[in-house]
Amino acid sequence: MLYAFSKIFWNLVQPGNLLVLLLALGVVGLWLRRRRARLFVSAVTLAFVAVLVFPVGGWAILPLEERFPQPLLPSRIDGIVLLGGAINIGTTQAHGQAALNRFAERITASAALARQFPEAKLLISGGDPRIAPGELSEADITRSLLLSLGLDDSRMLLEKRSRNTYENAVYSKAMAQPQPGQVWLLVTSAFHMPRAVGCFRAAGFDTLPYPVDYQTADLPAIGFSFASELELFELAVHEWVGLVSYRILGRIDSLFPGPAPTSSSTAR
């Protein structure tokens, strides 16, 4: 129930949808000759212009992406945890081939790491995130894709139940059963890494964060690309909301998880 509510709630309040709904509400107010409707519509219009002109998406997502630097990899890796989120299950089912989204680097980077460390296990964590899940999971699709790229099936562990980051951590730990002294890489998008690390720490699964799939090239700059900036802003807002809600629910131990004091990592 909580999962379905979170999906529906986000569809209503994500910035793009919310701006359109507020603008529609303002137009209704104008037709009804409400006294403050003109001021309300003007404010919403200024919000649209701000997204068009200013790099609000870049400003919002940059702290998330810079939270965890690229790590110095040890000579031995025991396992790699690949978090789902890069597969469009509906499109895959409709056309019979793996449909990757903008987070595809989670998969390509994991494949490269698996080749670099041939003795490491590859744990693919991802079920069906839709409100009404089917039998096919992200882990199943990712496995088929990696097999076609030449990876050995015997190395892969499929965690097919998780539908969010919290479940990724809990179910991955149960499947991996990490032992003291082992090194497991955690591979996910850079903006998603703080929440992912927080969940894995809370679950008692110590991992070495390996952020990929960066959305920002450099310092955000003023431009005129409404669609791309809004998409980036929505991505960042979703993650910040996720951090706050996970902290309230006790799924992470701090509001903005960062590198551990003893982390053997270095800046990019």
Protein backbone atom coordinates (compact mmCIF):
# COMPACT_ATOMS: atom_id res chain seq x y z
CA MET A 1 0.00 0.00 0.00
CA LEU A 2 2.79 2.43 0.92
CA TYR A 3 4.59 1.65 -2.33
CA ALA A 4 1.50 2.33 -4.47
CA PHE A 5 0.80 5.54 -2.55
CA SER A 6 4.36 6.78 -3.11
CA LYS A 7 4.06 6.19 -6.87
CA ILE A 8 0.70 7.99 -7.14
CA PHE A 9 1.84 10.83 -4.88
CA TRP A 10 4.95 11.45 -6.96
CA ASN A 11 2.95 11.54 -10.20
CA LEU A 12 0.89 14.34 -8.71
CA VAL A 13 3.64 16.44 -7.14
CA GLN A 14 6.59 16.03 -9.52
CA PRO A 15 7.56 19.54 -10.60
CA GLY A 16 6.39 19.41 -14.23
CA ASN A 17 2.98 17.98 -13.43
CA LEU A 18 2.57 20.26 -10.42
CA LEU A 19 3.33 23.40 -12.46
CA VAL A 20 0.76 22.43 -15.09
CA LEU A 21 -1.88 21.67 -12.44
CA LEU A 22 -1.20 24.99 -10.70
CA LEU A 23 -1.43 26.87 -14.00
CA ALA A 24 -4.73 25.15 -14.78
CA LEU A 25 -6.00 26.09 -11.32
CA GLY A 26 -5.00 29.68 -11.95
CA VAL A 27 -6.82 29.76 -15.28
CA VAL A 28 -9.95 28.49 -13.56
CA GLY A 29 -9.55 31.31 -11.06
CA LEU A 30 -9.32 33.84 -13.90
CA TRP A 31 -12.53 32.53 -15.46
CA LEU A 32 -14.22 32.77 -12.06
CA ARG A 33 -12.84 36.30 -11.68
CA ARG A 34 -11.06 35.50 -8.44
CA ARG A 35 -9.27 38.54 -7.06
CA ARG A 36 -5.82 36.96 -6.72
CA ALA A 37 -5.94 34.68 -9.76
CA ARG A 38 -3.91 37.04 -11.94
CA LEU A 39 -1.13 37.22 -9.34
CA PHE A 40 -1.22 33.43 -8.95
CA VAL A 41 -0.96 32.79 -12.70
CA SER A 42 1.89 35.31 -12.94
CA ALA A 43 3.82 33.51 -10.20
CA VAL A 44 3.39 30.12 -11.87
CA THR A 45 4.45 31.60 -15.22
CA LEU A 46 7.60 33.01 -13.59
CA ALA A 47 8.34 29.51 -12.30
CA PHE A 48 8.14 28.18 -15.87
CA VAL A 49 10.49 30.94 -17.06
CA ALA A 50 12.92 30.23 -14.22
CA VAL A 51 13.19 26.58 -15.31
CA LEU A 52 13.75 27.76 -18.90
CA VAL A 53 16.49 30.27 -18.10
CA PHE A 54 18.27 29.09 -14.96
CA PRO A 55 20.05 25.73 -14.45
CA VAL A 56 17.77 24.76 -11.57
CA GLY A 57 18.16 21.08 -12.42
CA GLY A 58 21.93 21.26 -12.36
CA TRP A 59 21.95 23.21 -9.10
CA ALA A 60 19.65 20.66 -7.48
CA ILE A 61 21.43 17.51 -8.65
CA LEU A 62 25.08 18.58 -8.37
CA PRO A 63 25.38 18.07 -4.56
CA LEU A 64 23.99 14.55 -4.98
CA GLU A 65 26.43 13.65 -7.74
CA GLU A 66 29.43 15.07 -5.91
CA ARG A 67 28.67 13.35 -2.59
CA PHE A 68 30.66 10.21 -3.42
CA PRO A 69 33.92 10.46 -5.41
CA GLN A 70 35.17 7.77 -7.73
CA PRO A 71 36.91 5.10 -5.59
CA LEU A 72 40.39 3.71 -5.86
CA LEU A 73 39.66 0.09 -6.69
CA PRO A 74 41.55 -2.61 -4.77
CA SER A 75 43.29 -5.45 -6.56
CA ARG A 76 40.54 -7.88 -5.58
CA ILE A 77 36.77 -7.47 -5.74
CA ASP A 78 34.55 -10.22 -4.35
CA GLY A 79 31.27 -8.99 -5.76
CA ILE A 80 29.47 -6.27 -7.69
CA VAL A 81 25.94 -5.15 -6.82
CA LEU A 82 24.15 -3.68 -9.82
CA LEU A 83 21.03 -1.76 -8.85
CA GLY A 84 18.07 -1.80 -11.21
CA GLY A 85 16.48 1.25 -12.77
CA ALA A 86 18.01 1.09 -16.25
CA ILE A 87 15.36 -1.13 -17.85
CA ASN A 88 11.94 -0.18 -19.24
CA ILE A 89 10.02 -3.40 -18.64
CA GLY A 90 6.87 -2.41 -20.53
CA THR A 91 8.76 -1.45 -23.67
CA THR A 92 10.87 -4.60 -23.40
CA GLN A 93 7.77 -6.77 -23.24
CA ALA A 94 6.13 -4.94 -26.13
CA HIS A 95 9.05 -5.34 -28.54
CA GLY A 96 10.89 -8.43 -27.34
CA GLN A 97 14.27 -6.79 -26.80
CA ALA A 98 15.89 -5.08 -23.83
CA ALA A 99 14.85 -1.43 -23.71
CA LEU A 100 17.36 0.70 -21.80
CA ASN A 101 16.64 4.17 -20.44
CA ARG A 102 18.93 7.10 -19.58
CA PHE A 103 20.49 5.16 -16.70
CA ALA A 104 21.94 2.45 -18.97
CA GLU A 105 25.47 3.14 -17.71
CA ARG A 106 24.57 1.23 -14.57
CA ILE A 107 24.58 -1.90 -16.75
CA THR A 108 27.44 -1.05 -19.10
CA ALA A 109 29.73 -0.01 -16.22
CA SER A 110 28.90 -3.19 -14.31
CA ALA A 111 29.69 -5.29 -17.37
CA ALA A 112 33.06 -3.56 -17.70
CA LEU A 113 33.79 -4.10 -14.00
CA ALA A 114 32.82 -7.76 -14.29
CA ARG A 115 35.38 -8.18 -17.08
CA GLN A 116 38.00 -6.30 -15.08
CA PHE A 117 37.42 -8.57 -12.07
CA PRO A 118 36.62 -12.00 -13.55
CA GLU A 119 36.46 -13.72 -10.15
CA ALA A 120 33.82 -11.37 -8.76
CA LYS A 121 30.16 -12.31 -8.45
CA LEU A 122 27.66 -10.01 -10.16
CA LEU A 123 24.48 -9.52 -8.14
CA ILE A 124 21.71 -7.95 -10.23
CA SER A 125 19.08 -6.38 -7.98
CA GLY A 126 15.78 -5.36 -9.51
CA GLY A 127 12.20 -6.62 -9.65
CA ASP A 128 9.28 -5.00 -11.47
CA PRO A 129 8.78 -1.43 -10.15
CA ARG A 130 5.32 -1.00 -11.66
CA ILE A 131 2.34 -0.74 -9.30
CA ALA A 132 0.91 -3.91 -10.83
CA PRO A 133 4.05 -6.03 -11.37
CA GLY A 134 4.21 -8.88 -13.86
CA GLU A 135 6.31 -12.02 -13.94
CA LEU A 136 9.28 -10.42 -15.74
CA SER A 137 11.83 -8.56 -13.63
CA GLU A 138 14.60 -6.09 -14.37
CA ALA A 139 17.08 -8.69 -13.14
CA ASP A 140 15.82 -11.21 -15.73
CA ILE A 141 16.14 -8.73 -18.60
CA THR A 142 19.55 -7.50 -17.46
CA ARG A 143 20.81 -11.07 -17.16
CA SER A 144 19.73 -11.85 -20.74
CA LEU A 145 21.43 -8.70 -21.99
CA LEU A 146 24.68 -9.46 -20.17
CA LEU A 147 24.64 -13.04 -21.45
CA SER A 148 24.41 -11.70 -25.01
CA LEU A 149 27.48 -9.57 -24.22
CA GLY A 150 29.47 -12.65 -23.24
CA LEU A 151 29.30 -12.68 -19.43
CA ASP A 152 29.26 -16.06 -17.70
CA ASP A 153 25.86 -17.00 -16.27
CA SER A 154 27.45 -18.85 -13.34
CA ARG A 155 28.74 -15.54 -11.94
CA MET A 156 25.34 -13.90 -11.78
CA LEU A 157 23.04 -13.74 -8.77
CA LEU A 158 19.51 -12.54 -9.54
CA GLU A 159 17.58 -10.65 -6.89
CA LYS A 160 14.13 -10.29 -8.48
CA ARG A 161 11.87 -9.09 -5.64
CA SER A 162 12.98 -5.51 -4.94
CA ARG A 163 10.92 -2.57 -6.21
CA ASN A 164 12.73 0.29 -4.48
CA THR A 165 16.14 1.17 -3.04
CA TYR A 166 15.31 -0.02 0.46
CA GLU A 167 14.34 -3.46 -0.84
CA ASN A 168 17.44 -3.49 -3.06
CA ALA A 169 19.57 -3.33 0.07
CA VAL A 170 17.64 -5.78 2.22
CA TYR A 171 17.21 -8.48 -0.43
CA SER A 172 20.72 -8.05 -1.85
CA LYS A 173 22.29 -8.62 1.55
CA ALA A 174 20.19 -11.75 2.08
CA MET A 175 21.31 -13.13 -1.27
CA ALA A 176 24.98 -12.06 -1.21
CA GLN A 177 25.59 -13.03 2.43
CA PRO A 178 28.76 -10.89 2.51
CA GLN A 179 31.54 -12.12 4.75
CA PRO A 180 33.95 -10.00 6.85
CA GLY A 181 36.85 -8.75 4.77
CA GLN A 182 35.05 -9.10 1.45
CA VAL A 183 34.82 -6.13 -0.92
CA TRP A 184 31.55 -5.59 -2.76
CA LEU A 185 31.12 -2.70 -5.20
CA LEU A 186 27.81 -0.86 -5.27
CA VAL A 187 27.01 0.39 -8.77
CA THR A 188 24.27 2.94 -9.35
CA SER A 189 23.80 6.45 -10.74
CA ALA A 190 25.85 9.12 -8.99
CA PHE A 191 22.79 11.15 -7.98
CA HIS A 192 21.23 8.02 -6.46
CA MET A 193 24.31 6.92 -4.54
CA PRO A 194 23.67 8.78 -1.23
CA ARG A 195 20.29 7.11 -0.72
CA ALA A 196 21.58 3.74 -1.94
CA VAL A 197 24.58 3.79 0.40
CA GLY A 198 22.35 4.87 3.28
CA CYS A 199 20.03 1.91 2.69
CA PHE A 200 22.87 -0.60 2.38
CA ARG A 201 24.51 0.71 5.56
CA ALA A 202 21.23 0.46 7.45
CA ALA A 203 20.83 -3.10 6.17
CA GLY A 204 24.32 -3.99 7.44
CA PHE A 205 25.81 -4.50 3.98
CA ASP A 206 29.12 -2.62 3.76
CA THR A 207 29.88 -1.75 0.13
CA LEU A 208 32.37 0.34 -1.83
CA PRO A 209 30.35 2.98 -3.73
CA TYR A 210 31.07 3.12 -7.46
CA PRO A 211 29.00 6.00 -8.90
CA VAL A 212 28.26 6.06 -12.62
CA ASP A 213 25.83 7.73 -15.02
CA TYR A 214 26.62 11.37 -14.25
CA GLN A 215 23.99 13.86 -15.43
CA THR A 216 26.11 17.03 -15.16
CA ALA A 217 29.14 17.87 -17.27
CA ASP A 218 30.53 20.77 -15.24
CA LEU A 219 29.25 23.70 -13.21
CA PRO A 220 25.62 24.42 -14.22
CA ALA A 221 25.28 27.32 -16.66
CA ILE A 222 22.39 29.50 -17.76
CA GLY A 223 20.72 28.20 -20.91
CA PHE A 224 17.43 27.85 -22.75
CA SER A 225 16.43 24.20 -22.67
CA PHE A 226 13.19 23.88 -20.76
CA ALA A 227 12.53 20.17 -21.35
CA SER A 228 16.00 18.92 -20.41
CA GLU A 229 16.32 21.24 -17.41
CA LEU A 230 12.87 20.26 -16.12
CA GLU A 231 13.73 16.57 -16.52
CA LEU A 232 16.96 17.05 -14.57
CA PHE A 233 15.17 19.07 -11.90
CA GLU A 234 12.52 16.39 -11.48
CA LEU A 235 15.23 13.76 -11.15
CA ALA A 236 16.91 15.75 -8.38
CA VAL A 237 13.68 16.59 -6.55
CA HIS A 238 12.65 12.93 -6.62
CA GLU A 239 15.95 11.99 -4.99
CA TRP A 240 15.82 14.72 -2.34
CA VAL A 241 12.24 13.75 -1.49
CA GLY A 242 13.38 10.13 -1.34
CA LEU A 243 16.13 11.01 1.14
CA VAL A 244 13.73 12.89 3.40
CA SER A 245 11.05 10.20 3.30
CA TYR A 246 13.56 7.38 3.87
CA ARG A 247 14.97 9.23 6.87
CA ILE A 248 11.48 9.68 8.32
CA LEU A 249 10.72 5.99 7.76
CA GLY A 250 14.02 4.98 9.38
CA ARG A 251 15.37 3.35 6.22
CA ILE A 252 18.56 5.42 6.35
CA ASP A 253 20.49 6.59 9.41
CA SER A 254 21.20 10.16 8.25
CA LEU A 255 19.48 12.66 6.00
CA PHE A 256 22.36 12.94 3.54
CA PRO A 257 24.63 9.86 3.74
CA GLY A 258 28.22 10.49 2.73
CA PRO A 259 31.52 8.63 2.48
CA ALA A 260 32.54 6.70 5.57
CA PRO A 261 35.48 8.24 7.50
CA THR A 262 37.66 5.25 6.60
CA SER A 263 36.58 5.12 2.95
CA SER A 264 39.50 4.46 0.60
CA SER A 265 38.36 6.77 -2.15
CA THR A 266 39.69 9.75 -3.96
CA ALA A 267 38.11 12.64 -5.80
CA ARG A 268 37.48 12.33 -9.50
